[in-house]
Structures are given as C-alpha cells and as structure tokens.
Amino acid sequence: MALWRRLLAGSDWSQFLDLLSPALFDVVSPLQLSHRAAELARHWFDTERASKLAQQLDERAVAIGLDVRVVAETLERSYVPFRARLAGEKLCQPAGDGNRLLKYFFFQIYAGDSGFLDLRASRFCRAAEPGKIAFRPLPLYATWQPDFVQGIRQLYDGFYGGDESDYEYAVKALGVAPASDVFRQAFGGPRRRACVYTVAGFRETFHEVFVRCRDAKVAFHPDFITLGIAIATLYDHLESLGGCYDVEAQHSAVKGLLAGSSPGA
C-alpha cells in the first residue's frame, strides 16, 4: 500500500486512495499489490505501447460500428508517473454521454486482454464525427490474465444474458462466490435497466466483497485490482453525469455489434 500512496500522492488520483477498503489487504497479498503498482508505473512511460493499444482498440471499434473512437494523442513529458496530461487537453469539450461510456467499458472487456483504466469524464470528448464521442486515454493500462478475462466475460454474460449457471460458474472461477449476491446488487439487481451509479456505492460494494472473501478464506484473483480502478473511474464519471442507465441494453448492444462482425456472421 505504501508504494501506491507514494505513486499517487499529490496527483489527481489521490482521491481514489480513500476508496480502498482495509479488507483488501486480507485477500490480496502486499506482493501482488506492489507488483500491480510497479506494472502500471512501467506502462505509464511506455507510450509507444499505449499508442499501439489505442490504435488496436480504435480499429476494432470502427470495424464493429461502435460509436466511440479511441484517439492516441501526445502525452506531455513527465518524469513522475500519473502526473502528465495530454497535449491540448484544455481544448477537449466533455462528451457527457453515459450510455456510450458504458458501451465502451463493455467493449474493452470483450475486445481483448488489455484495457485502459482511466474512464473519468476528462478522458471523453465530443468527436468530430456526428453521433460519436472520442476517448483520449492516458497511458494507464493493464493486461489481464486469460483466465480472469474469460471469467469476467462469463460473469457479465451470465448476469445480463440471464444464464444463471454461467453466472454462478464465473463467480466461483474468479474467487468471489461468497459475494455472489453483492455482485448482483452492484450490477443493478432488479434495476439493471435503471441503474444509478455513486462512488460511495462502489466503495461499499467492494468493501463487502473483500470482507466476504476474507471470511470465507477463498482465493481472490489479483487482476481485480486493476479492473477495480477502471470500475471506480466508471462510477466517478457516471455519478458526475447523474441519471439512471439501462446497463443491460448497453451490454446487449456491444455483444450484438461484436457478433455481427464475427467471420461468417
């Protein structure tokens, strides 16, 4: 945890340190936490790899007809991780579109095994193309293990697609079976078509997940650390926009686009 605090102190990420539940340290080892922090710091300076990832995601988004463009832009030089901004950032006019934000979140989950983690409002702008928004990611990204990505996809498919067996299999595979009902609530529960997002709700949810897993003494997949950053910034963005969202519809829309672009479809 000390490494995380040293990396983020003084940056606009410091507010997210308050979201960390003390129970996190009972389910994820200090070594795993330090490893993930060091990995993100290395990625921050590998701007070439970040640009390549942005290009790959944008090409995939265009190919399936997603209404979000991923724009790789120049990062102002920085010798300290998580401090620099994109060149020309002040010219960015906020997009203010929660539905497209949710689509992009699900798109990253299904498009590959790597994704950008900063989904805050400052990263999304109005695009020049009518009917689209532009995502301008900072080089804060993670590559998730194949078993984790597969499990997360099955988790979302099972919940939003209504396949109970898929959902239950996924929570067991990911090591969060003791918190199965907590995840249901976080995904909207019976309000999955009218879900309201708050940062306080995010913190309460993941605190309960950590406590349940700790008490049950189950293995917790460490890739939840970096995915949790993306989810926290998603909540922060959607809370700033207000309103409620048909999350099931956005998930279905992305799955439909991906299915339509598959060979032989």
Protein backbone atom coordinates (compact mmCIF):
# COMPACT_ATOMS: atom_id res chain seq x y z
CA MET A 1 0.00 0.00 0.00
CA ALA A 2 2.90 2.35 0.75
CA LEU A 3 4.03 2.13 -2.88
CA TRP A 4 0.55 3.05 -4.11
CA ARG A 5 0.46 6.07 -1.81
CA ARG A 6 3.91 7.26 -2.93
CA LEU A 7 2.93 6.93 -6.59
CA LEU A 8 -0.42 8.70 -6.31
CA ALA A 9 0.19 11.30 -3.59
CA GLY A 10 -0.19 14.81 -4.94
CA SER A 11 -1.82 13.69 -8.19
CA ASP A 12 -5.47 13.92 -9.15
CA TRP A 13 -5.60 10.19 -8.39
CA SER A 14 -5.04 10.66 -4.67
CA GLN A 15 -8.80 10.87 -4.03
CA PHE A 16 -9.18 7.25 -5.12
CA LEU A 17 -6.93 6.06 -2.30
CA ASP A 18 -9.83 6.74 0.03
CA LEU A 19 -11.87 4.12 -1.82
CA LEU A 20 -9.55 1.30 -0.79
CA SER A 21 -11.07 -0.92 1.85
CA PRO A 22 -8.77 -2.13 4.65
CA ALA A 23 -10.17 -5.61 3.97
CA LEU A 24 -8.41 -5.57 0.58
CA PHE A 25 -5.15 -6.40 2.32
CA ASP A 26 -6.67 -9.57 3.75
CA VAL A 27 -7.50 -11.01 0.32
CA VAL A 28 -4.63 -9.71 -1.84
CA SER A 29 -1.01 -10.02 -0.74
CA PRO A 30 1.24 -6.94 -0.38
CA LEU A 31 3.47 -8.51 -3.03
CA GLN A 32 0.61 -8.65 -5.54
CA LEU A 33 -0.36 -5.05 -4.76
CA SER A 34 3.20 -3.85 -5.21
CA HIS A 35 3.56 -5.84 -8.42
CA ARG A 36 0.46 -4.23 -9.93
CA ALA A 37 1.56 -0.74 -8.89
CA ALA A 38 5.02 -1.20 -10.42
CA GLU A 39 3.48 -2.59 -13.61
CA LEU A 40 1.23 0.45 -14.04
CA ALA A 41 4.18 2.77 -13.45
CA ARG A 42 6.20 0.99 -16.15
CA HIS A 43 3.28 1.16 -18.55
CA TRP A 44 2.96 4.90 -17.94
CA PHE A 45 6.31 5.54 -19.58
CA ASP A 46 5.84 3.04 -22.40
CA THR A 47 3.90 5.50 -24.53
CA GLU A 48 4.65 3.59 -27.73
CA ARG A 49 2.88 0.52 -26.41
CA ALA A 50 -0.01 2.65 -25.14
CA SER A 51 -0.41 4.26 -28.58
CA LYS A 52 -0.40 0.83 -30.21
CA LEU A 53 -3.11 -0.38 -27.83
CA ALA A 54 -5.20 2.71 -28.56
CA GLN A 55 -4.83 2.14 -32.29
CA GLN A 56 -5.82 -1.52 -31.97
CA LEU A 57 -8.89 -0.68 -29.92
CA ASP A 58 -9.90 2.09 -32.31
CA GLU A 59 -9.57 -0.18 -35.34
CA ARG A 60 -11.71 -2.79 -33.62
CA ALA A 61 -14.28 -0.16 -32.59
CA VAL A 62 -14.54 1.13 -36.18
CA ALA A 63 -14.80 -2.42 -37.55
CA ILE A 64 -17.83 -3.28 -35.42
CA GLY A 65 -19.51 0.12 -35.73
CA LEU A 66 -19.09 1.24 -32.11
CA ASP A 67 -19.97 4.92 -31.67
CA VAL A 68 -16.79 5.64 -29.68
CA ARG A 69 -13.41 6.46 -31.25
CA VAL A 70 -10.16 5.77 -29.37
CA VAL A 71 -7.69 8.58 -30.05
CA ALA A 72 -3.96 8.14 -29.39
CA GLU A 73 -2.50 11.57 -28.66
CA THR A 74 0.78 13.02 -27.43
CA LEU A 75 1.47 12.99 -23.70
CA GLU A 76 3.21 15.99 -22.15
CA ARG A 77 6.63 14.82 -20.94
CA SER A 78 6.73 13.77 -17.30
CA TYR A 79 9.33 12.08 -15.13
CA VAL A 80 6.80 11.16 -12.45
CA PRO A 81 4.09 8.56 -13.18
CA PHE A 82 0.43 9.60 -13.24
CA ARG A 83 1.16 13.35 -13.34
CA ALA A 84 1.25 14.34 -17.03
CA ARG A 85 -1.66 15.40 -19.19
CA LEU A 86 -2.41 15.02 -22.86
CA ALA A 87 -1.25 17.80 -25.13
CA GLY A 88 -4.13 20.14 -25.96
CA GLU A 89 -6.34 18.71 -23.21
CA LYS A 90 -7.94 22.06 -22.47
CA LEU A 91 -9.49 22.01 -25.94
CA CYS A 92 -11.45 18.88 -25.09
CA GLN A 93 -15.20 19.52 -24.76
CA PRO A 94 -16.80 16.96 -22.42
CA ALA A 95 -18.96 14.38 -24.15
CA GLY A 96 -21.45 13.85 -21.32
CA ASP A 97 -22.82 10.56 -22.67
CA GLY A 98 -23.21 7.82 -20.07
CA ASN A 99 -24.69 5.26 -22.42
CA ARG A 100 -21.73 5.41 -24.78
CA LEU A 101 -19.39 5.29 -21.79
CA LEU A 102 -21.00 2.03 -20.66
CA LYS A 103 -20.72 0.65 -24.18
CA TYR A 104 -17.03 1.47 -24.24
CA PHE A 105 -16.50 -0.18 -20.85
CA PHE A 106 -18.05 -3.44 -22.08
CA PHE A 107 -16.24 -3.13 -25.41
CA GLN A 108 -12.85 -3.11 -23.63
CA ILE A 109 -13.84 -6.19 -21.64
CA TYR A 110 -14.68 -8.17 -24.78
CA ALA A 111 -12.22 -6.68 -27.31
CA GLY A 112 -9.03 -8.21 -25.90
CA ASP A 113 -6.97 -8.85 -22.79
CA SER A 114 -5.70 -5.26 -22.34
CA GLY A 115 -7.61 -2.13 -21.45
CA PHE A 116 -7.20 1.49 -20.37
CA LEU A 117 -8.16 2.17 -16.77
CA ASP A 118 -8.94 5.90 -16.62
CA LEU A 119 -12.56 6.31 -17.68
CA ARG A 120 -13.17 9.62 -15.96
CA ALA A 121 -15.14 12.40 -17.64
CA SER A 122 -11.97 14.29 -18.60
CA ARG A 123 -10.99 11.46 -20.94
CA PHE A 124 -14.10 11.66 -23.14
CA CYS A 125 -14.74 14.45 -25.62
CA ARG A 126 -17.15 15.30 -28.36
CA ALA A 127 -15.92 13.73 -31.58
CA ALA A 128 -15.77 15.45 -34.94
CA GLU A 129 -17.89 12.66 -36.38
CA PRO A 130 -21.63 13.15 -35.78
CA GLY A 131 -23.14 10.72 -33.31
CA LYS A 132 -19.80 9.65 -31.82
CA ILE A 133 -17.62 10.52 -28.85
CA ALA A 134 -13.83 10.36 -28.57
CA PHE A 135 -11.94 8.53 -25.83
CA ARG A 136 -8.49 10.07 -25.27
CA PRO A 137 -6.76 7.64 -22.92
CA LEU A 138 -3.79 8.33 -20.73
CA PRO A 139 -1.13 5.57 -20.80
CA LEU A 140 -2.66 3.89 -17.76
CA TYR A 141 -3.49 0.40 -18.91
CA ALA A 142 -3.36 -3.21 -17.78
CA THR A 143 -3.07 -6.60 -19.40
CA TRP A 144 -5.22 -9.18 -17.64
CA GLN A 145 -4.58 -12.88 -17.38
CA PRO A 146 -6.63 -15.01 -19.83
CA ASP A 147 -8.49 -16.89 -17.09
CA PHE A 148 -9.51 -13.59 -15.50
CA VAL A 149 -10.77 -12.05 -18.75
CA GLN A 150 -12.72 -15.19 -19.56
CA GLY A 151 -14.24 -15.23 -16.08
CA ILE A 152 -15.26 -11.55 -16.20
CA ARG A 153 -16.89 -12.01 -19.61
CA GLN A 154 -18.78 -15.04 -18.37
CA LEU A 155 -19.82 -13.09 -15.28
CA TYR A 156 -21.36 -10.29 -17.35
CA ASP A 157 -22.83 -12.67 -19.91
CA GLY A 158 -24.41 -14.77 -17.20
CA PHE A 159 -25.93 -11.82 -15.36
CA TYR A 160 -27.11 -9.62 -18.24
CA GLY A 161 -27.87 -12.56 -20.51
CA GLY A 162 -29.89 -14.36 -17.86
CA ASP A 163 -27.83 -17.58 -17.76
CA GLU A 164 -27.75 -18.44 -14.07
CA SER A 165 -25.33 -21.37 -14.49
CA ASP A 166 -22.80 -19.18 -16.34
CA TYR A 167 -23.02 -16.53 -13.63
CA GLU A 168 -22.51 -18.98 -10.77
CA TYR A 169 -19.62 -20.71 -12.56
CA ALA A 170 -17.93 -17.35 -13.15
CA VAL A 171 -18.10 -16.14 -9.55
CA LYS A 172 -16.56 -19.42 -8.40
CA ALA A 173 -13.80 -19.29 -11.02
CA LEU A 174 -12.95 -15.71 -10.05
CA GLY A 175 -12.86 -16.50 -6.34
CA VAL A 176 -15.80 -14.27 -5.40
CA ALA A 177 -18.55 -16.88 -4.89
CA PRO A 178 -19.09 -15.78 -1.26
CA ALA A 179 -20.05 -12.34 -2.62
CA SER A 180 -22.30 -13.56 -5.45
CA ASP A 181 -25.30 -11.59 -4.16
CA VAL A 182 -23.19 -8.46 -3.69
CA PHE A 183 -22.15 -8.52 -7.34
CA ARG A 184 -25.77 -8.96 -8.38
CA GLN A 185 -26.64 -5.81 -6.48
CA ALA A 186 -23.66 -3.93 -7.95
CA PHE A 187 -24.75 -4.88 -11.47
CA GLY A 188 -28.14 -3.35 -10.81
CA GLY A 189 -30.04 -6.33 -9.41
CA PRO A 190 -33.67 -5.92 -10.41
CA ARG A 191 -32.80 -2.36 -11.52
CA ARG A 192 -30.32 -3.41 -14.20
CA ARG A 193 -32.38 -1.39 -16.69
CA ALA A 194 -32.44 1.66 -14.42
CA CYS A 195 -29.15 1.61 -12.53
CA VAL A 196 -27.82 4.61 -10.58
CA TYR A 197 -24.07 4.94 -10.00
CA THR A 198 -22.36 6.54 -6.99
CA VAL A 199 -18.75 6.38 -5.83
CA ALA A 200 -19.98 5.70 -2.29
CA GLY A 201 -21.88 2.73 -3.66
CA PHE A 202 -18.72 1.45 -5.33
CA ARG A 203 -16.76 1.61 -2.09
CA GLU A 204 -19.48 -0.14 -0.09
CA THR A 205 -19.81 -2.88 -2.69
CA PHE A 206 -16.13 -3.74 -2.91
CA HIS A 207 -15.64 -3.50 0.84
CA GLU A 208 -18.36 -6.09 1.26
CA VAL A 209 -16.80 -8.28 -1.47
CA PHE A 210 -13.42 -8.19 0.28
CA VAL A 211 -14.94 -8.95 3.68
CA ARG A 212 -16.96 -11.89 2.35
CA CYS A 213 -13.92 -13.37 0.59
CA ARG A 214 -11.71 -12.82 3.63
CA ASP A 215 -14.15 -14.51 5.98
CA ALA A 216 -14.60 -17.45 3.59
CA LYS A 217 -10.82 -17.72 3.10
CA VAL A 218 -11.12 -18.02 -0.68
CA ALA A 219 -8.53 -17.09 -3.31
CA PHE A 220 -9.17 -13.64 -4.77
CA HIS A 221 -7.91 -13.02 -8.30
CA PRO A 222 -5.31 -10.19 -8.16
CA ASP A 223 -6.39 -8.79 -11.54
CA PHE A 224 -9.43 -7.38 -9.75
CA ILE A 225 -7.02 -4.67 -8.51
CA THR A 226 -6.56 -3.06 -11.92
CA LEU A 227 -10.08 -3.79 -13.17
CA GLY A 228 -11.29 -2.15 -9.97
CA ILE A 229 -9.55 1.07 -10.99
CA ALA A 230 -11.46 1.10 -14.28
CA ILE A 231 -14.75 0.40 -12.48
CA ALA A 232 -14.07 3.12 -9.89
CA THR A 233 -13.44 5.71 -12.62
CA LEU A 234 -16.55 4.49 -14.45
CA TYR A 235 -18.62 5.11 -11.31
CA ASP A 236 -16.99 8.52 -10.82
CA HIS A 237 -17.85 9.53 -14.39
CA LEU A 238 -21.44 8.26 -14.29
CA GLU A 239 -22.09 9.86 -10.91
CA SER A 240 -20.93 13.21 -12.30
CA LEU A 241 -23.43 12.83 -15.16
CA GLY A 242 -26.31 11.77 -12.94
CA GLY A 243 -29.37 9.87 -14.11
CA CYS A 244 -30.02 6.15 -14.34
CA TYR A 245 -28.90 3.72 -17.02
CA ASP A 246 -30.18 0.68 -18.85
CA VAL A 247 -26.98 -1.28 -18.38
CA GLU A 248 -28.41 -4.49 -19.78
CA ALA A 249 -29.24 -2.71 -23.03
CA GLN A 250 -25.70 -1.32 -23.40
CA HIS A 251 -24.19 -4.75 -22.72
CA SER A 252 -26.52 -6.34 -25.27
CA ALA A 253 -25.72 -3.65 -27.83
CA VAL A 254 -21.98 -4.30 -27.59
CA LYS A 255 -22.42 -8.08 -27.75
CA GLY A 256 -24.62 -7.60 -30.82
CA LEU A 257 -22.00 -5.45 -32.56
CA LEU A 258 -19.26 -7.96 -31.81
CA ALA A 259 -21.38 -10.89 -33.00
CA GLY A 260 -22.23 -9.05 -36.20
CA SER A 261 -18.57 -8.52 -37.01
CA SER A 262 -17.57 -12.15 -36.46
CA PRO A 263 -16.48 -14.12 -39.52
CA GLY A 264 -19.39 -15.91 -41.10
CA ALA A 265 -22.00 -13.81 -39.28
